[in-house]
């Protein structure tokens, strides 16, 4: 197994995320893709034991995921967001278990009993979760069949969900208790954060409408 963690200016949380993945065991390498970061994300990820690949400019989550995949040849790839708060080795193990056991082709981790705002967002749109475990051959097939996913900034989760439905993949939702993430409003302030959130949902909607 390998882990791929796209990151854009997540110096506050990246080390804890990497540490939890290392503690889970059996996942190597742990690839952090610093996607045009202007803070200490790359440095802190390296200090935590991750293999860091840096994009000189921000290219978006889909491109970062593809870069991370190309940095490993593992059969199973675990995708995690870099801004998670409260991630534990138990969360990581629970996420990969259905795929390793052959019970699912893709596992999707959903926040459960974390914070109202993030829990509600995933109740309304569970397919937007960035916490996934999937067979490498399937994620590579998705990128081949969904060429626009590579340049989509936020639509990658939509692309994954659409591909899973079209390909008839076995998908299992995994509750990740007491896990949450830093919201855009917390990172950028209320006004800028809200604007960034609206932009994110708009780009997701534009990509989804192409399907």
N, C-alpha and C. Protein backbone atom coordinates (compact mmCIF):
# COMPACT_ATOMS: atom_id res chain seq x y z
N UNK A 1 0.84 -1.20 0.00
CA UNK A 1 0.00 0.00 0.00
C UNK A 1 0.87 1.25 0.00
N UNK A 2 0.34 2.30 -0.57
CA UNK A 2 0.98 3.61 -0.52
C UNK A 2 -0.09 4.63 -0.14
N UNK A 3 0.34 5.74 0.42
CA UNK A 3 -0.57 6.84 0.72
C UNK A 3 -0.19 8.03 -0.13
N UNK A 4 -1.18 8.73 -0.64
CA UNK A 4 -0.98 9.96 -1.39
C UNK A 4 -1.77 11.07 -0.70
N UNK A 5 -1.06 12.14 -0.32
CA UNK A 5 -1.68 13.23 0.42
C UNK A 5 -1.43 14.53 -0.32
N UNK A 6 -2.40 15.02 -1.10
CA UNK A 6 -2.24 16.33 -1.74
C UNK A 6 -2.30 17.42 -0.67
N UNK A 7 -1.44 18.43 -0.80
CA UNK A 7 -1.38 19.46 0.25
C UNK A 7 -1.11 20.83 -0.36
N UNK A 8 -1.91 21.79 0.08
CA UNK A 8 -1.66 23.17 -0.31
C UNK A 8 -1.70 24.04 0.95
N UNK A 9 -0.53 24.44 1.41
CA UNK A 9 -0.39 25.30 2.59
C UNK A 9 -1.11 24.72 3.81
N UNK A 10 -0.68 23.51 4.20
CA UNK A 10 -1.28 22.82 5.34
C UNK A 10 -0.22 22.52 6.41
N UNK A 11 0.65 23.49 6.69
CA UNK A 11 1.72 23.26 7.65
C UNK A 11 1.21 22.98 9.06
N UNK A 12 0.00 23.40 9.37
CA UNK A 12 -0.53 23.22 10.72
C UNK A 12 -0.93 21.77 11.00
N UNK A 13 -1.24 21.00 9.98
CA UNK A 13 -1.79 19.65 10.20
C UNK A 13 -1.03 18.53 9.51
N UNK A 14 -0.19 18.83 8.53
CA UNK A 14 0.39 17.78 7.70
C UNK A 14 1.23 16.79 8.50
N UNK A 15 1.98 17.24 9.49
CA UNK A 15 2.84 16.33 10.24
C UNK A 15 2.01 15.31 11.01
N UNK A 16 0.89 15.74 11.58
CA UNK A 16 0.04 14.80 12.32
C UNK A 16 -0.61 13.79 11.40
N UNK A 17 -0.98 14.21 10.20
CA UNK A 17 -1.58 13.29 9.24
C UNK A 17 -0.56 12.23 8.83
N UNK A 18 0.65 12.66 8.51
CA UNK A 18 1.70 11.72 8.13
C UNK A 18 2.00 10.76 9.28
N UNK A 19 2.06 11.28 10.50
CA UNK A 19 2.37 10.44 11.66
C UNK A 19 1.32 9.35 11.85
N UNK A 20 0.05 9.68 11.67
CA UNK A 20 -1.01 8.69 11.83
C UNK A 20 -0.89 7.59 10.79
N UNK A 21 -0.54 7.95 9.57
CA UNK A 21 -0.39 6.95 8.51
C UNK A 21 0.80 6.04 8.81
N UNK A 22 1.88 6.62 9.28
CA UNK A 22 3.06 5.80 9.63
C UNK A 22 2.71 4.82 10.75
N UNK A 23 1.95 5.28 11.73
CA UNK A 23 1.59 4.42 12.86
C UNK A 23 0.66 3.29 12.45
N UNK A 24 -0.09 3.48 11.36
CA UNK A 24 -1.00 2.44 10.91
C UNK A 24 -0.25 1.20 10.43
N UNK A 25 0.97 1.39 9.94
CA UNK A 25 1.80 0.28 9.48
C UNK A 25 1.40 -0.24 8.12
N UNK A 26 2.37 -0.77 7.39
CA UNK A 26 2.09 -1.40 6.11
C UNK A 26 1.91 -0.46 4.94
N UNK A 27 2.08 0.84 5.17
CA UNK A 27 1.89 1.81 4.10
C UNK A 27 3.22 2.49 3.80
N UNK A 28 3.76 2.23 2.62
CA UNK A 28 5.06 2.77 2.26
C UNK A 28 5.19 2.74 0.72
N UNK A 29 5.42 3.90 0.12
CA UNK A 29 5.73 5.18 0.74
C UNK A 29 4.48 5.99 1.11
N UNK A 30 4.72 7.02 1.89
CA UNK A 30 3.71 8.03 2.18
C UNK A 30 4.12 9.26 1.38
N UNK A 31 3.37 9.54 0.32
CA UNK A 31 3.74 10.60 -0.62
C UNK A 31 2.91 11.85 -0.34
N UNK A 32 3.58 12.92 0.01
CA UNK A 32 2.92 14.22 0.16
C UNK A 32 3.25 15.05 -1.07
N UNK A 33 2.24 15.50 -1.78
CA UNK A 33 2.45 16.35 -2.94
C UNK A 33 2.17 17.79 -2.51
N UNK A 34 3.24 18.55 -2.35
CA UNK A 34 3.13 19.96 -1.97
C UNK A 34 2.80 20.75 -3.24
N UNK A 35 1.54 21.13 -3.36
CA UNK A 35 1.01 21.67 -4.61
C UNK A 35 1.13 23.20 -4.65
N UNK A 36 2.36 23.66 -4.93
CA UNK A 36 2.59 25.10 -4.99
C UNK A 36 2.54 25.78 -3.64
N UNK A 37 2.94 25.07 -2.60
CA UNK A 37 2.87 25.61 -1.24
C UNK A 37 3.82 26.80 -1.05
N UNK A 38 3.36 27.75 -0.26
CA UNK A 38 4.19 28.93 0.06
C UNK A 38 4.52 28.97 1.55
N UNK A 39 4.16 27.93 2.27
CA UNK A 39 4.47 27.87 3.70
C UNK A 39 5.43 26.71 3.95
N UNK A 40 5.44 26.14 5.14
CA UNK A 40 6.40 25.09 5.51
C UNK A 40 5.81 23.68 5.40
N UNK A 41 4.79 23.52 4.58
CA UNK A 41 4.17 22.20 4.43
C UNK A 41 5.19 21.14 4.01
N UNK A 42 5.96 21.41 2.98
CA UNK A 42 6.92 20.42 2.47
C UNK A 42 7.95 20.06 3.54
N UNK A 43 8.47 21.07 4.22
CA UNK A 43 9.49 20.83 5.26
C UNK A 43 8.93 19.97 6.38
N UNK A 44 7.74 20.29 6.84
CA UNK A 44 7.16 19.54 7.95
C UNK A 44 6.77 18.13 7.55
N UNK A 45 6.37 17.95 6.31
CA UNK A 45 6.05 16.61 5.83
C UNK A 45 7.31 15.74 5.77
N UNK A 46 8.40 16.31 5.29
CA UNK A 46 9.67 15.56 5.25
C UNK A 46 10.13 15.20 6.66
N UNK A 47 10.04 16.16 7.57
CA UNK A 47 10.45 15.91 8.95
C UNK A 47 9.62 14.80 9.59
N UNK A 48 8.37 14.66 9.14
CA UNK A 48 7.49 13.63 9.68
C UNK A 48 7.72 12.26 9.04
N UNK A 49 8.55 12.23 8.00
CA UNK A 49 8.90 10.95 7.38
C UNK A 49 8.26 10.67 6.04
N UNK A 50 7.67 11.68 5.42
CA UNK A 50 7.02 11.48 4.13
C UNK A 50 7.99 11.70 2.97
N UNK A 51 7.68 11.08 1.85
CA UNK A 51 8.34 11.38 0.58
C UNK A 51 7.59 12.57 -0.01
N UNK A 52 8.30 13.67 -0.23
CA UNK A 52 7.63 14.90 -0.68
C UNK A 52 7.96 15.17 -2.14
N UNK A 53 6.93 15.41 -2.92
CA UNK A 53 7.07 15.86 -4.30
C UNK A 53 6.46 17.25 -4.38
N UNK A 54 7.19 18.20 -4.94
CA UNK A 54 6.72 19.58 -4.95
C UNK A 54 6.34 20.04 -6.36
N UNK A 55 5.17 20.63 -6.47
CA UNK A 55 4.78 21.36 -7.68
C UNK A 55 5.23 22.81 -7.51
N UNK A 56 5.88 23.39 -8.51
CA UNK A 56 6.31 24.79 -8.38
C UNK A 56 5.15 25.77 -8.32
N UNK A 57 4.00 25.37 -8.88
CA UNK A 57 2.83 26.22 -8.79
C UNK A 57 1.63 25.36 -8.42
N UNK A 58 0.58 26.00 -7.93
CA UNK A 58 -0.62 25.29 -7.53
C UNK A 58 -1.37 24.78 -8.77
N UNK A 59 -1.50 23.47 -8.88
CA UNK A 59 -2.14 22.87 -10.05
C UNK A 59 -3.48 22.22 -9.72
N UNK A 60 -3.83 22.16 -8.46
CA UNK A 60 -5.11 21.59 -8.07
C UNK A 60 -4.99 20.15 -7.58
N UNK A 61 -6.03 19.71 -6.90
CA UNK A 61 -6.00 18.42 -6.23
C UNK A 61 -5.87 17.24 -7.18
N UNK A 62 -6.58 17.28 -8.30
CA UNK A 62 -6.52 16.15 -9.24
C UNK A 62 -5.10 15.94 -9.75
N UNK A 63 -4.45 17.03 -10.14
CA UNK A 63 -3.07 16.94 -10.64
C UNK A 63 -2.13 16.45 -9.54
N UNK A 64 -2.37 16.90 -8.31
CA UNK A 64 -1.52 16.45 -7.19
C UNK A 64 -1.70 14.96 -6.94
N UNK A 65 -2.93 14.49 -7.03
CA UNK A 65 -3.17 13.06 -6.85
C UNK A 65 -2.47 12.24 -7.93
N UNK A 66 -2.54 12.71 -9.16
CA UNK A 66 -1.90 11.97 -10.25
C UNK A 66 -0.39 11.96 -10.08
N UNK A 67 0.18 13.07 -9.64
CA UNK A 67 1.62 13.12 -9.36
C UNK A 67 1.98 12.11 -8.28
N UNK A 68 1.17 12.06 -7.23
CA UNK A 68 1.44 11.13 -6.13
C UNK A 68 1.37 9.68 -6.57
N UNK A 69 0.39 9.35 -7.40
CA UNK A 69 0.27 7.99 -7.91
C UNK A 69 1.51 7.59 -8.70
N UNK A 70 2.02 8.53 -9.50
CA UNK A 70 3.18 8.22 -10.34
C UNK A 70 4.46 8.03 -9.52
N UNK A 71 4.43 8.42 -8.25
CA UNK A 71 5.61 8.30 -7.40
C UNK A 71 5.67 6.96 -6.68
N UNK A 72 4.70 6.08 -6.95
CA UNK A 72 4.67 4.78 -6.29
C UNK A 72 4.13 3.72 -7.25
N UNK A 73 4.45 2.47 -6.99
CA UNK A 73 3.90 1.38 -7.80
C UNK A 73 3.07 0.42 -6.97
N UNK A 74 2.59 0.87 -5.81
CA UNK A 74 1.82 0.02 -4.91
C UNK A 74 0.47 -0.37 -5.52
N UNK A 75 -0.01 -1.56 -5.15
CA UNK A 75 -1.27 -2.07 -5.68
C UNK A 75 -2.49 -1.35 -5.12
N UNK A 76 -2.38 -0.89 -3.87
CA UNK A 76 -3.48 -0.18 -3.22
C UNK A 76 -3.00 1.22 -2.86
N UNK A 77 -3.79 2.23 -3.19
CA UNK A 77 -3.43 3.61 -2.89
C UNK A 77 -4.48 4.19 -1.93
N UNK A 78 -3.98 4.81 -0.86
CA UNK A 78 -4.83 5.46 0.12
C UNK A 78 -4.70 6.97 -0.08
N UNK A 79 -5.82 7.63 -0.31
CA UNK A 79 -5.81 9.08 -0.46
C UNK A 79 -6.36 9.72 0.81
N UNK A 80 -5.63 10.72 1.30
CA UNK A 80 -6.05 11.43 2.50
C UNK A 80 -5.87 12.92 2.30
N UNK A 81 -6.76 13.71 2.89
CA UNK A 81 -6.60 15.16 2.86
C UNK A 81 -5.52 15.58 3.85
N UNK A 82 -4.86 16.67 3.56
CA UNK A 82 -3.75 17.14 4.39
C UNK A 82 -4.21 17.98 5.58
N UNK A 83 -5.49 18.36 5.59
CA UNK A 83 -5.98 19.25 6.66
C UNK A 83 -6.80 18.53 7.71
N UNK A 84 -6.66 17.20 7.78
CA UNK A 84 -7.44 16.42 8.75
C UNK A 84 -7.02 16.74 10.19
N UNK A 85 -8.01 16.73 11.06
CA UNK A 85 -7.78 16.96 12.49
C UNK A 85 -8.33 15.76 13.25
N UNK A 86 -7.45 15.08 13.98
CA UNK A 86 -7.88 13.93 14.77
C UNK A 86 -7.68 12.59 14.10
N UNK A 87 -6.94 12.55 12.98
CA UNK A 87 -6.69 11.28 12.30
C UNK A 87 -5.84 10.36 13.17
N UNK A 88 -6.24 9.09 13.26
CA UNK A 88 -5.51 8.09 14.03
C UNK A 88 -5.17 6.90 13.16
N UNK A 89 -4.31 6.05 13.67
CA UNK A 89 -3.96 4.84 12.92
C UNK A 89 -5.19 3.94 12.74
N UNK A 90 -6.11 3.98 13.70
CA UNK A 90 -7.32 3.18 13.59
C UNK A 90 -8.18 3.65 12.42
N UNK A 91 -8.25 4.96 12.20
CA UNK A 91 -8.98 5.48 11.05
C UNK A 91 -8.39 4.94 9.75
N UNK A 92 -7.07 5.00 9.64
CA UNK A 92 -6.40 4.56 8.42
C UNK A 92 -6.62 3.07 8.19
N UNK A 93 -6.47 2.29 9.24
CA UNK A 93 -6.66 0.84 9.12
C UNK A 93 -8.10 0.50 8.72
N UNK A 94 -9.06 1.21 9.29
CA UNK A 94 -10.46 0.97 8.96
C UNK A 94 -10.75 1.30 7.50
N UNK A 95 -10.11 2.34 7.00
CA UNK A 95 -10.33 2.77 5.62
C UNK A 95 -9.81 1.75 4.62
N UNK A 96 -8.64 1.18 4.89
CA UNK A 96 -8.04 0.26 3.92
C UNK A 96 -8.57 -1.17 4.06
N UNK A 97 -9.15 -1.51 5.20
CA UNK A 97 -9.54 -2.89 5.48
C UNK A 97 -10.46 -3.50 4.43
N UNK A 98 -11.54 -2.82 3.99
CA UNK A 98 -12.43 -3.46 3.01
C UNK A 98 -11.75 -3.78 1.68
N UNK A 99 -10.82 -2.94 1.27
CA UNK A 99 -10.11 -3.17 0.01
C UNK A 99 -9.13 -4.32 0.16
N UNK A 100 -8.39 -4.33 1.25
CA UNK A 100 -7.42 -5.41 1.47
C UNK A 100 -8.09 -6.76 1.63
N UNK A 101 -9.29 -6.75 2.22
CA UNK A 101 -10.01 -8.01 2.44
C UNK A 101 -10.75 -8.48 1.20
N UNK A 102 -10.71 -7.68 0.14
CA UNK A 102 -11.41 -8.05 -1.08
C UNK A 102 -12.91 -7.83 -1.02
N UNK A 103 -13.36 -7.05 -0.03
CA UNK A 103 -14.80 -6.78 0.13
C UNK A 103 -15.26 -5.59 -0.71
N UNK A 104 -14.31 -4.77 -1.14
CA UNK A 104 -14.66 -3.57 -1.90
C UNK A 104 -13.52 -3.21 -2.84
N UNK A 105 -13.88 -2.58 -3.96
CA UNK A 105 -12.87 -2.05 -4.87
C UNK A 105 -12.43 -0.66 -4.44
N UNK A 106 -13.34 0.04 -3.77
CA UNK A 106 -13.06 1.38 -3.29
C UNK A 106 -13.74 1.58 -1.94
N UNK A 107 -13.02 2.14 -0.99
CA UNK A 107 -13.60 2.50 0.30
C UNK A 107 -13.58 4.01 0.44
N UNK A 108 -14.68 4.57 0.94
CA UNK A 108 -14.80 6.01 1.12
C UNK A 108 -14.98 6.29 2.60
N UNK A 109 -14.10 7.10 3.18
CA UNK A 109 -14.19 7.43 4.60
C UNK A 109 -15.07 8.65 4.81
N UNK A 110 -16.03 8.53 5.72
CA UNK A 110 -16.95 9.62 6.02
C UNK A 110 -16.78 10.08 7.46
N UNK A 111 -16.74 11.39 7.65
CA UNK A 111 -16.68 11.94 9.00
C UNK A 111 -17.92 11.53 9.78
N UNK A 112 -17.72 11.14 11.03
CA UNK A 112 -18.83 10.70 11.86
C UNK A 112 -18.58 11.15 13.29
N UNK A 113 -19.46 11.97 13.84
CA UNK A 113 -19.33 12.45 15.21
C UNK A 113 -18.05 13.26 15.38
N UNK A 114 -17.73 14.06 14.34
CA UNK A 114 -16.58 14.94 14.43
C UNK A 114 -17.02 16.34 14.79
N UNK A 115 -17.40 17.13 13.78
CA UNK A 115 -17.97 18.45 14.00
C UNK A 115 -19.19 18.61 13.11
N UNK A 116 -20.17 19.35 13.57
CA UNK A 116 -21.43 19.47 12.87
C UNK A 116 -21.24 19.94 11.43
N UNK A 117 -20.40 20.96 11.23
CA UNK A 117 -20.25 21.53 9.89
C UNK A 117 -19.69 20.51 8.90
N UNK A 118 -18.65 19.80 9.30
CA UNK A 118 -18.04 18.84 8.38
C UNK A 118 -18.85 17.57 8.26
N UNK A 119 -19.47 17.12 9.34
CA UNK A 119 -20.34 15.94 9.26
C UNK A 119 -21.51 16.21 8.34
N UNK A 120 -22.13 17.39 8.48
CA UNK A 120 -23.29 17.73 7.66
C UNK A 120 -22.92 17.79 6.19
N UNK A 121 -21.76 18.36 5.88
CA UNK A 121 -21.33 18.46 4.49
C UNK A 121 -21.25 17.09 3.84
N UNK A 122 -20.78 16.09 4.58
CA UNK A 122 -20.65 14.77 3.99
C UNK A 122 -21.95 13.99 4.00
N UNK A 123 -22.87 14.35 4.88
CA UNK A 123 -24.20 13.76 4.80
C UNK A 123 -24.88 14.22 3.51
N UNK A 124 -24.71 15.51 3.20
CA UNK A 124 -25.33 16.08 2.01
C UNK A 124 -24.63 15.62 0.73
N UNK A 125 -23.30 15.45 0.80
CA UNK A 125 -22.54 15.08 -0.40
C UNK A 125 -21.40 14.14 -0.04
N UNK A 126 -21.71 12.88 0.28
CA UNK A 126 -20.66 11.94 0.69
C UNK A 126 -19.62 11.68 -0.39
N UNK A 127 -20.00 11.86 -1.64
CA UNK A 127 -19.07 11.59 -2.74
C UNK A 127 -17.94 12.62 -2.82
N UNK A 128 -17.99 13.68 -2.00
CA UNK A 128 -16.93 14.68 -2.00
C UNK A 128 -15.81 14.34 -1.02
N UNK A 129 -15.92 13.24 -0.33
CA UNK A 129 -14.89 12.87 0.64
C UNK A 129 -13.55 12.64 -0.04
N UNK A 130 -12.47 13.18 0.55
CA UNK A 130 -11.13 12.97 0.03
C UNK A 130 -10.43 11.78 0.64
N UNK A 131 -11.12 11.09 1.56
CA UNK A 131 -10.53 9.93 2.24
C UNK A 131 -10.98 8.66 1.52
N UNK A 132 -10.06 8.04 0.80
CA UNK A 132 -10.41 6.87 -0.01
C UNK A 132 -9.26 5.87 -0.05
N UNK A 133 -9.62 4.61 -0.23
CA UNK A 133 -8.66 3.56 -0.54
C UNK A 133 -9.16 2.87 -1.80
N UNK A 134 -8.27 2.64 -2.75
CA UNK A 134 -8.70 2.09 -4.04
C UNK A 134 -7.55 1.32 -4.68
N UNK A 135 -7.91 0.34 -5.47
CA UNK A 135 -6.90 -0.40 -6.22
C UNK A 135 -6.24 0.50 -7.26
N UNK A 136 -4.94 0.41 -7.37
CA UNK A 136 -4.19 1.26 -8.28
C UNK A 136 -4.67 1.14 -9.72
N UNK A 137 -4.91 -0.08 -10.17
CA UNK A 137 -5.32 -0.29 -11.56
C UNK A 137 -6.63 0.44 -11.85
N UNK A 138 -7.47 0.61 -10.85
CA UNK A 138 -8.75 1.28 -11.04
C UNK A 138 -8.59 2.79 -11.10
N UNK A 139 -7.72 3.33 -10.25
CA UNK A 139 -7.52 4.78 -10.27
C UNK A 139 -6.81 5.18 -11.57
N UNK A 140 -5.90 4.35 -12.04
CA UNK A 140 -5.24 4.63 -13.32
C UNK A 140 -6.24 4.54 -14.48
N UNK A 141 -7.14 3.59 -14.40
CA UNK A 141 -8.18 3.46 -15.42
C UNK A 141 -9.10 4.69 -15.40
N UNK A 142 -9.41 5.18 -14.21
CA UNK A 142 -10.27 6.35 -14.10
C UNK A 142 -9.64 7.55 -14.79
N UNK A 143 -8.36 7.79 -14.53
CA UNK A 143 -7.68 8.92 -15.17
C UNK A 143 -7.64 8.75 -16.69
N UNK A 144 -7.53 7.51 -17.14
CA UNK A 144 -7.50 7.27 -18.59
C UNK A 144 -8.86 7.53 -19.22
N UNK A 145 -9.93 7.17 -18.51
CA UNK A 145 -11.28 7.31 -19.06
C UNK A 145 -11.91 8.67 -18.77
N UNK A 146 -11.35 9.39 -17.79
CA UNK A 146 -11.85 10.72 -17.44
C UNK A 146 -10.72 11.73 -17.64
N UNK A 147 -10.34 12.03 -18.89
CA UNK A 147 -9.18 12.90 -19.13
C UNK A 147 -9.31 14.28 -18.51
N UNK A 148 -10.53 14.79 -18.39
CA UNK A 148 -10.70 16.12 -17.82
C UNK A 148 -10.50 16.13 -16.31
N UNK A 149 -10.53 14.96 -15.68
CA UNK A 149 -10.29 14.89 -14.24
C UNK A 149 -8.88 15.35 -13.89
N UNK A 150 -7.96 15.16 -14.82
CA UNK A 150 -6.56 15.53 -14.57
C UNK A 150 -6.39 17.03 -14.42
N UNK A 151 -7.23 17.80 -15.08
CA UNK A 151 -7.09 19.25 -15.02
C UNK A 151 -8.16 19.89 -14.15
N UNK A 152 -9.08 19.08 -13.66
CA UNK A 152 -10.12 19.59 -12.77
C UNK A 152 -9.51 19.89 -11.40
N UNK A 153 -9.79 21.05 -10.86
CA UNK A 153 -9.17 21.43 -9.59
C UNK A 153 -9.85 20.77 -8.40
N UNK A 154 -11.16 20.69 -8.42
CA UNK A 154 -11.88 20.14 -7.27
C UNK A 154 -12.83 19.01 -7.65
N UNK A 155 -12.93 18.68 -8.94
CA UNK A 155 -13.91 17.70 -9.36
C UNK A 155 -13.45 16.27 -9.29
N UNK A 156 -12.26 16.01 -8.73
CA UNK A 156 -11.71 14.66 -8.75
C UNK A 156 -12.59 13.68 -7.98
N UNK A 157 -13.17 14.10 -6.85
CA UNK A 157 -14.04 13.20 -6.10
C UNK A 157 -15.30 12.86 -6.91
N UNK A 158 -15.81 13.85 -7.63
CA UNK A 158 -16.96 13.61 -8.50
C UNK A 158 -16.57 12.61 -9.59
N UNK A 159 -15.38 12.79 -10.16
CA UNK A 159 -14.92 11.88 -11.21
C UNK A 159 -14.78 10.46 -10.68
N UNK A 160 -14.24 10.31 -9.49
CA UNK A 160 -14.08 8.99 -8.89
C UNK A 160 -15.43 8.32 -8.67
N UNK A 161 -16.39 9.09 -8.16
CA UNK A 161 -17.71 8.54 -7.90
C UNK A 161 -18.41 8.15 -9.20
N UNK A 162 -18.30 9.01 -10.20
CA UNK A 162 -18.92 8.73 -11.50
C UNK A 162 -18.30 7.49 -12.14
N UNK A 163 -16.99 7.38 -12.05
CA UNK A 163 -16.30 6.22 -12.60
C UNK A 163 -16.73 4.94 -11.87
N UNK A 164 -16.81 5.01 -10.55
CA UNK A 164 -17.20 3.84 -9.77
C UNK A 164 -18.59 3.35 -10.16
N UNK A 165 -19.50 4.28 -10.37
CA UNK A 165 -20.87 3.91 -10.77
C UNK A 165 -20.88 3.30 -12.17
N UNK A 166 -20.16 3.92 -13.09
CA UNK A 166 -20.15 3.45 -14.48
C UNK A 166 -19.48 2.08 -14.61
N UNK A 167 -18.41 1.89 -13.82
CA UNK A 167 -17.65 0.64 -13.91
C UNK A 167 -18.23 -0.47 -13.02
N UNK A 168 -19.25 -0.14 -12.25
CA UNK A 168 -19.86 -1.15 -11.38
C UNK A 168 -18.96 -1.59 -10.25
N UNK A 169 -18.15 -0.67 -9.74
CA UNK A 169 -17.24 -1.03 -8.65
C UNK A 169 -18.00 -1.26 -7.34
N UNK A 170 -17.46 -2.12 -6.54
CA UNK A 170 -18.00 -2.32 -5.20
C UNK A 170 -17.43 -1.23 -4.30
N UNK A 171 -18.30 -0.39 -3.78
CA UNK A 171 -17.88 0.75 -2.96
C UNK A 171 -18.44 0.59 -1.55
N UNK A 172 -17.59 0.78 -0.56
CA UNK A 172 -18.03 0.68 0.83
C UNK A 172 -17.74 1.99 1.55
N UNK A 173 -18.74 2.51 2.25
CA UNK A 173 -18.56 3.71 3.05
C UNK A 173 -18.10 3.30 4.45
N UNK A 174 -17.06 3.97 4.93
CA UNK A 174 -16.46 3.65 6.23
C UNK A 174 -16.59 4.84 7.16
N UNK A 175 -17.32 4.74 8.26
CA UNK A 175 -17.42 5.86 9.21
C UNK A 175 -16.10 6.07 9.93
N UNK A 176 -15.66 7.32 10.00
CA UNK A 176 -14.42 7.67 10.67
C UNK A 176 -14.78 8.58 11.85
N UNK A 177 -14.96 7.98 13.01
CA UNK A 177 -15.48 8.70 14.16
C UNK A 177 -14.48 9.72 14.71
N UNK A 178 -15.04 10.85 15.14
CA UNK A 178 -14.28 11.92 15.80
C UNK A 178 -13.19 12.49 14.89
N UNK A 179 -13.39 12.40 13.59
CA UNK A 179 -12.44 12.96 12.64
C UNK A 179 -13.08 14.16 11.95
N UNK A 180 -12.31 15.20 11.73
CA UNK A 180 -12.80 16.37 11.03
C UNK A 180 -11.65 17.01 10.28
N UNK A 181 -11.85 18.20 9.78
CA UNK A 181 -10.76 18.91 9.12
C UNK A 181 -10.93 20.40 9.33
N UNK A 182 -9.87 21.13 9.07
CA UNK A 182 -9.93 22.58 9.16
C UNK A 182 -10.74 23.12 8.00
N UNK A 183 -11.70 23.96 8.30
CA UNK A 183 -12.52 24.51 7.24
C UNK A 183 -11.79 25.65 6.55
N UNK A 184 -12.27 26.01 5.37
CA UNK A 184 -11.67 27.12 4.64
C UNK A 184 -11.81 28.43 5.41
N UNK A 185 -12.91 28.56 6.13
CA UNK A 185 -13.11 29.76 6.93
C UNK A 185 -12.07 29.86 8.04
N UNK A 186 -11.70 28.72 8.62
CA UNK A 186 -10.68 28.71 9.67
C UNK A 186 -9.30 29.03 9.10
N UNK A 187 -9.06 28.58 7.89
CA UNK A 187 -7.75 28.80 7.29
C UNK A 187 -7.58 30.23 6.77
N UNK A 188 -8.64 30.76 6.17
CA UNK A 188 -8.51 32.02 5.44
C UNK A 188 -9.26 33.19 6.06
N UNK A 189 -10.04 32.92 7.09
CA UNK A 189 -10.91 33.96 7.63
C UNK A 189 -12.29 33.82 7.02
N UNK A 190 -13.27 34.44 7.65
CA UNK A 190 -14.66 34.23 7.25
C UNK A 190 -14.94 34.63 5.80
N UNK A 191 -14.55 35.83 5.41
CA UNK A 191 -14.90 36.32 4.08
C UNK A 191 -14.15 35.57 2.99
N UNK A 192 -12.82 35.49 3.11
CA UNK A 192 -12.03 34.80 2.09
C UNK A 192 -12.35 33.30 2.07
N UNK A 193 -12.57 32.74 3.26
CA UNK A 193 -12.89 31.32 3.34
C UNK A 193 -14.20 30.99 2.68
N UNK A 194 -15.21 31.83 2.91
CA UNK A 194 -16.50 31.61 2.28
C UNK A 194 -16.40 31.73 0.77
N UNK A 195 -15.62 32.72 0.31
CA UNK A 195 -15.43 32.89 -1.13
C UNK A 195 -14.75 31.67 -1.74
N UNK A 196 -13.75 31.13 -1.03
CA UNK A 196 -13.04 29.95 -1.52
C UNK A 196 -13.96 28.74 -1.55
N UNK A 197 -14.85 28.63 -0.55
CA UNK A 197 -15.79 27.51 -0.52
C UNK A 197 -16.77 27.58 -1.69
N UNK A 198 -17.29 28.77 -1.95
CA UNK A 198 -18.21 28.95 -3.07
C UNK A 198 -17.52 28.60 -4.39
N UNK A 199 -16.27 29.04 -4.54
CA UNK A 199 -15.52 28.74 -5.76
C UNK A 199 -15.32 27.24 -5.91
N UNK A 200 -15.00 26.56 -4.80
CA UNK A 200 -14.78 25.12 -4.85
C UNK A 200 -16.04 24.39 -5.31
N UNK A 201 -17.19 24.74 -4.71
CA UNK A 201 -18.43 24.07 -5.09
C UNK A 201 -18.82 24.40 -6.53
N UNK A 202 -18.51 25.60 -6.97
CA UNK A 202 -18.82 25.97 -8.34
C UNK A 202 -18.01 25.13 -9.33
N UNK A 203 -16.72 24.93 -9.03
CA UNK A 203 -15.89 24.13 -9.93
C UNK A 203 -16.32 22.67 -9.91
N UNK A 204 -16.73 22.18 -8.75
CA UNK A 204 -17.24 20.82 -8.66
C UNK A 204 -18.50 20.68 -9.50
N UNK A 205 -19.39 21.65 -9.38
CA UNK A 205 -20.64 21.62 -10.13
C UNK A 205 -20.39 21.66 -11.63
N UNK A 206 -19.47 22.50 -12.07
CA UNK A 206 -19.16 22.59 -13.50
C UNK A 206 -18.66 21.26 -14.02
N UNK A 207 -17.79 20.61 -13.25
CA UNK A 207 -17.27 19.31 -13.70
C UNK A 207 -18.36 18.26 -13.71
N UNK A 208 -19.20 18.26 -12.66
CA UNK A 208 -20.25 17.25 -12.56
C UNK A 208 -21.25 17.36 -13.71
N UNK A 209 -21.50 18.57 -14.18
CA UNK A 209 -22.45 18.78 -15.25
C UNK A 209 -21.95 18.26 -16.60
N UNK A 210 -20.66 18.00 -16.69
CA UNK A 210 -20.10 17.48 -17.94
C UNK A 210 -20.32 15.98 -18.08
N UNK A 211 -20.73 15.34 -16.96
CA UNK A 211 -20.87 13.89 -17.00
C UNK A 211 -22.14 13.42 -17.68
